[in-house]
Protein backbone atom coordinates (compact mmCIF):
# COMPACT_ATOMS: atom_id res chain seq x y z
CA MET A 1 7.29 22.83 34.79
CA ILE A 2 9.84 21.30 32.44
CA ASP A 3 12.20 20.82 35.38
CA SER A 4 9.50 18.75 37.10
CA LEU A 5 9.62 16.13 34.33
CA PRO A 6 11.80 13.02 34.81
CA LEU A 7 14.39 13.96 32.16
CA ARG A 8 17.76 12.32 31.63
CA ASN A 9 19.49 15.69 31.38
CA PRO A 10 18.30 19.14 32.47
CA ILE A 11 16.99 21.50 29.77
CA LYS A 12 17.67 25.24 29.74
CA VAL A 13 14.31 26.39 28.42
CA GLY A 14 15.63 29.90 27.87
CA ASP A 15 17.95 28.59 25.14
CA TYR A 16 14.96 27.84 22.91
CA TYR A 17 12.68 30.21 21.02
CA ARG A 18 10.70 27.71 18.95
CA TYR A 19 8.04 25.46 20.46
CA SER A 20 9.00 22.63 18.13
CA ASN A 21 12.71 22.70 18.97
CA LEU A 22 12.05 22.72 22.71
CA MET A 23 9.52 19.89 22.40
CA GLN A 24 11.97 17.80 20.38
CA ARG A 25 14.55 18.17 23.13
CA ILE A 26 11.97 17.18 25.75
CA LEU A 27 11.02 14.11 23.71
CA LEU A 28 14.66 13.13 23.45
CA GLU A 29 15.46 13.56 27.16
CA TYR A 30 12.24 11.80 28.16
CA GLY A 31 13.17 8.71 26.14
CA CYS A 32 10.41 9.04 23.54
CA TYR A 33 12.85 8.52 20.66
CA ASP A 34 14.64 5.49 22.06
CA GLY A 35 14.80 2.91 19.27
CA VAL A 36 12.99 5.24 16.83
CA TYR A 37 14.46 5.66 13.35
CA GLU A 38 14.09 8.70 11.15
CA SER A 39 13.68 8.16 7.42
CA CYS A 40 13.77 9.79 4.02
CA GLY A 41 13.65 8.75 0.37
CA GLU A 42 11.08 6.84 -1.67
CA LEU A 43 9.45 4.81 1.12
CA ASN A 44 9.16 7.90 3.28
CA GLN A 45 7.46 9.80 0.45
CA LYS A 46 5.13 6.90 -0.31
CA LEU A 47 3.87 6.87 3.29
CA ARG A 48 3.56 10.67 3.27
CA ASP A 49 1.49 10.57 0.08
CA SER A 50 -0.98 8.16 1.71
CA ILE A 51 -1.84 10.58 4.54
CA HIS A 52 -5.39 11.94 4.56
CA TYR A 53 -5.51 15.44 6.08
CA PRO A 54 -8.85 16.52 7.57
CA ARG A 55 -10.51 19.51 5.90
CA PRO A 56 -13.39 21.79 6.96
CA TYR A 57 -16.59 20.66 5.30
CA GLY A 58 -20.25 21.57 5.25
CA ALA A 59 -21.61 18.05 5.58
CA TYR A 60 -25.27 19.03 5.96
CA ASN A 61 -25.65 19.96 2.28
CA ASP A 62 -22.65 18.14 0.79
CA GLY A 63 -20.51 21.27 0.71
CA LYS A 64 -23.17 23.56 -0.78
CA PRO A 65 -24.42 26.70 1.10
CA PHE A 66 -27.19 26.20 3.65
CA LYS A 67 -28.86 27.83 6.64
CA ILE A 68 -30.37 26.08 9.66
CA ASN A 69 -32.59 27.71 12.29
CA GLU A 70 -32.44 25.31 15.22
CA LYS A 71 -30.36 24.67 18.33
CA LEU A 72 -26.96 23.34 17.36
CA TYR A 73 -23.90 22.46 19.42
CA TYR A 74 -20.40 23.34 18.19
CA ILE A 75 -18.13 20.99 20.11
CA ASP A 76 -14.35 20.95 20.06
CA MET A 77 -12.04 18.06 20.94
CA ASN A 78 -9.56 18.42 23.79
CA SER A 79 -6.01 18.21 22.36
CA SER A 80 -7.41 16.36 19.37
CA TYR A 81 -4.36 15.01 17.60
CA MET A 82 -2.46 14.38 20.83
CA SER A 83 -5.25 12.13 22.08
CA PHE A 84 -4.69 9.74 19.15
CA ILE A 85 -1.05 9.04 19.87
CA ASN A 86 -0.40 5.32 20.14
CA GLY A 87 3.30 5.49 20.81
CA ILE A 88 5.83 6.41 18.12
CA PRO A 89 6.30 3.71 15.46
CA THR A 90 10.00 2.95 15.40
CA ASP A 91 10.21 2.72 11.60
CA LEU A 92 8.18 2.71 8.39
CA THR A 93 7.03 -0.88 8.89
CA MET A 94 4.83 0.31 11.81
CA THR A 95 5.45 -2.97 13.64
CA ARG A 96 7.22 -1.69 16.79
CA ARG A 97 6.49 1.32 18.97
CA ASN A 98 7.95 3.41 21.78
CA TYR A 99 5.11 4.33 24.15
CA LYS A 100 6.96 6.86 26.34
CA ILE A 101 5.29 9.75 24.53
CA ASN A 102 1.84 8.69 25.76
CA GLU A 103 3.04 9.14 29.33
CA LEU A 104 4.63 12.51 28.53
CA ILE A 105 1.58 13.94 26.73
CA LYS A 106 -0.72 12.83 29.54
CA THR A 107 1.54 14.55 32.09
CA LEU A 108 1.73 17.80 30.09
CA TYR A 109 -2.04 17.78 29.52
CA GLU A 110 -2.71 17.46 33.25
CA LEU A 111 -0.24 20.27 34.00
CA ARG A 112 -2.00 22.45 31.44
CA ARG A 113 -5.46 21.67 32.78
CA ASN A 114 -4.38 22.48 36.35
CA ILE A 115 -3.14 25.99 35.45
CA LYS A 116 -5.58 26.92 32.68
CA ALA A 117 -7.72 29.10 34.94
CA THR A 118 -4.87 30.80 36.83
CA ASN A 119 -2.24 31.11 34.09
CA PRO A 120 -3.88 30.90 30.65
CA LYS A 121 -0.77 32.10 28.77
CA LEU A 122 1.38 29.34 30.21
CA ALA A 123 -1.42 26.85 29.52
CA THR A 124 -1.46 27.96 25.88
CA THR A 125 2.31 27.55 25.72
CA LEU A 126 2.00 23.94 26.91
CA LYS A 127 -0.70 23.37 24.29
CA PHE A 128 1.56 24.65 21.52
CA LEU A 129 4.42 22.52 22.83
CA MET A 130 2.33 19.37 22.65
CA ASN A 131 0.89 20.11 19.23
CA SER A 132 4.30 20.90 17.76
CA CYS A 133 5.53 17.32 18.02
CA PHE A 134 2.83 16.28 15.54
CA GLY A 135 3.68 18.93 12.96
CA TYR A 136 7.41 18.45 13.38
CA SER A 137 7.14 14.77 12.50
CA LEU A 138 5.60 15.74 9.14
CA ARG A 139 8.12 18.41 8.18
CA LYS A 140 9.31 18.12 4.60
CA GLN A 141 12.81 17.87 3.24
CA LYS A 142 14.49 21.14 2.26
CA VAL A 143 15.02 20.78 -1.46
CA TYR A 144 16.33 24.33 -2.00
CA LYS A 145 18.97 26.47 -0.34
CA LYS A 146 19.79 30.19 -0.23
CA LYS A 147 23.47 31.22 -0.17
CA TYR A 148 25.28 34.55 -0.21
CA SER A 149 28.27 34.81 -2.55
CA ASN A 150 31.01 37.43 -2.91
CA ASN A 151 31.70 36.16 -6.43
CA LEU A 152 28.42 35.61 -8.22
CA ASP A 153 29.96 35.02 -11.64
CA ASN A 154 32.12 32.18 -10.35
CA TYR A 155 29.30 30.65 -8.29
CA VAL A 156 26.87 30.70 -11.18
CA LYS A 157 29.50 29.24 -13.50
CA ASN A 158 30.16 26.29 -11.16
CA TYR A 159 26.56 25.51 -10.18
CA MET A 160 24.49 26.67 -13.16
CA PRO A 161 22.45 23.40 -13.52
CA PHE A 162 21.11 23.81 -9.98
CA ILE A 163 20.45 27.59 -9.90
CA PHE A 164 16.97 29.06 -10.41
CA ALA A 165 17.33 32.63 -9.08
CA VAL A 166 20.04 35.23 -8.45
CA TYR A 167 19.59 38.46 -6.45
CA LYS A 168 22.41 40.98 -6.75
CA THR A 169 23.16 43.21 -3.77
CA GLY A 170 26.33 44.76 -5.17
CA ASP A 171 29.05 44.43 -7.78
CA ASN A 172 29.27 40.67 -8.40
CA LYS A 173 27.79 40.01 -4.94
CA GLY A 174 24.40 38.71 -3.85
CA PHE A 175 22.17 35.76 -3.00
CA VAL A 176 21.81 32.61 -5.05
CA HIS A 177 18.83 30.27 -4.80
CA SER A 178 19.68 26.77 -5.90
CA LYS A 179 18.50 23.20 -5.67
CA GLU A 180 20.22 20.98 -3.14
CA SER A 181 22.36 18.35 -4.86
CA PHE A 182 21.63 16.03 -1.93
CA ALA A 183 18.84 16.40 0.63
CA THR A 184 20.09 15.41 4.09
CA ASP A 185 16.85 16.00 5.97
CA TYR A 186 15.19 13.14 7.81
CA ASN A 187 11.92 12.92 9.75
CA CYS A 188 9.58 10.57 11.61
CA VAL A 189 6.76 10.72 9.08
CA GLN A 190 5.44 7.42 10.46
CA PHE A 191 4.53 9.23 13.69
CA GLY A 192 2.37 11.89 12.02
CA TYR A 193 0.87 9.29 9.67
CA ASP A 194 -0.16 7.10 12.61
CA ILE A 195 -1.78 9.99 14.49
CA LEU A 196 -3.87 11.05 11.50
CA LYS A 197 -4.87 7.48 10.71
CA ASN A 198 -6.16 7.02 14.26
CA TYR A 199 -7.87 10.41 14.19
CA ASN A 200 -9.66 9.73 10.90
CA GLU A 201 -10.84 6.33 12.09
CA PHE A 202 -12.26 7.89 15.26
CA MET A 203 -14.02 10.72 13.42
CA ASN A 204 -15.51 8.28 10.92
CA MET A 205 -16.89 6.30 13.86
CA ILE A 206 -18.37 9.48 15.40
CA LYS A 207 -20.01 10.35 12.06
CA GLN A 208 -21.64 6.93 12.08
CA LYS A 209 -23.21 7.73 15.45
CA VAL A 210 -24.44 11.28 14.78
CA LYS A 211 -25.30 13.51 11.84
CA VAL A 212 -22.57 16.14 11.49
CA VAL A 213 -23.81 19.49 10.17
CA TYR A 214 -20.36 21.04 9.79
CA GLU A 215 -16.89 19.63 10.41
CA ASN A 216 -13.90 21.86 11.16
CA ILE A 217 -10.80 19.68 11.66
CA ASP A 218 -11.10 18.88 15.39
CA ALA A 219 -14.60 20.33 15.90
CA ILE A 220 -18.07 19.33 14.75
CA LEU A 221 -21.49 20.97 14.70
CA ILE A 222 -24.39 18.69 15.68
CA SER A 223 -27.99 18.85 16.84
CA GLU A 224 -28.98 18.92 20.51
CA LYS A 225 -30.27 15.36 20.26
CA ASP A 226 -26.96 14.12 18.89
CA TYR A 227 -25.05 16.10 21.52
CA GLN A 228 -27.01 14.36 24.28
CA LYS A 229 -26.28 11.00 22.63
CA LEU A 230 -22.53 11.64 22.65
CA LYS A 231 -22.73 12.85 26.23
CA GLU A 232 -24.53 9.70 27.36
CA GLU A 233 -21.86 7.57 25.67
CA GLY A 234 -19.03 9.39 27.45
CA TYR A 235 -17.64 11.47 24.60
CA ILE A 236 -18.23 14.82 26.34
CA GLY A 237 -15.93 16.01 29.14
CA ASP A 238 -12.63 17.62 30.08
CA ASN A 239 -10.36 14.63 29.55
CA LEU A 240 -7.88 14.20 26.72
CA GLY A 241 -9.77 13.29 23.54
CA GLN A 242 -13.25 14.18 24.83
CA PHE A 243 -15.38 16.93 23.29
CA LYS A 244 -16.27 20.17 25.05
CA ILE A 245 -18.84 22.83 24.14
CA GLU A 246 -17.43 25.86 22.31
CA HIS A 247 -20.71 27.41 21.15
CA ILE A 248 -24.45 26.77 21.23
CA PHE A 249 -26.13 28.30 18.18
CA LYS A 250 -29.79 29.02 17.53
CA SER A 251 -29.01 29.70 13.87
CA PHE A 252 -26.17 28.66 11.58
CA GLU A 253 -25.39 29.77 8.02
CA TYR A 254 -22.75 28.09 5.88
CA ILE A 255 -21.29 29.57 2.69
CA SER A 256 -17.98 27.73 2.33
CA PRO A 257 -15.53 25.77 4.52
CA ARG A 258 -13.88 29.00 5.70
CA LYS A 259 -16.94 31.24 5.64
CA TRP A 260 -19.78 30.64 8.06
CA ARG A 261 -21.55 32.36 10.94
CA GLY A 262 -23.65 31.24 13.84
CA ILE A 263 -25.91 33.20 16.18
CA GLU A 264 -25.57 32.08 19.79
CA LEU A 265 -28.48 31.85 22.24
CA ASP A 266 -27.71 35.32 23.65
CA GLY A 267 -27.51 36.89 20.19
CA THR A 268 -23.73 36.93 19.95
CA ILE A 269 -22.48 36.31 16.42
CA GLU A 270 -19.60 33.89 15.87
CA LYS A 271 -18.27 33.96 12.33
CA ARG A 272 -15.44 32.97 10.02
CA GLY A 273 -14.54 34.81 6.83
CA THR A 274 -15.65 38.29 5.72
CA TRP A 275 -19.32 39.21 5.96
CA ASN A 276 -21.10 42.44 4.98
């Protein structure tokens, strides 16, 4: 499947064992990073600090426990974060963008959808590949390092101001944990920031249209009436960014963001967290 993409140079997929590393190579060979700058430092951190990360929330009772005995639809968004990509901003000013990634994600999504029924494991792999480019853009700088030394006394003497832990494995030998004197890591935080900004704006718009009972990152729980409203307006389907039905509950009980359970129409119990 990777060979079928119009890449500048061929990729030996077998050389990679991390989704994120393989996806970064695909982005590079596809041209998604052309003209895109990585960044670090104060401006990078300022943009990172302004990011609002979605959190699970029991909206029906403002976060307090509740139980509802009525028909409710738990709908999940298709490739949620990937559907809110609007190119990759080339720098922290957010004024220019490279839109090649939109074309790539759309291609990978269609490949995944075409094989989902016949090869679910490969489809899941493609899903993880796509999602990894979002998380990779938000990776943090490595402030600390771990180094093995054959002369602990000398190492500690030379770098004492930066050392916070020493683990001996032998006579004057062992591992030293120290703070990096200079962090060389860079990232495209503007890419992850832009995705989440677009996502939050979309979800806020959805919550203006319907009453959300429970929100779980890229999924929401709503009444049957509200589900029909979203369906009529074209928000339900199999396309990128549309919602699909995960569960239909006849009863739903919420204790906390990570602890809830719903009883489906056939009596099956879907739950999160530990229940007696």
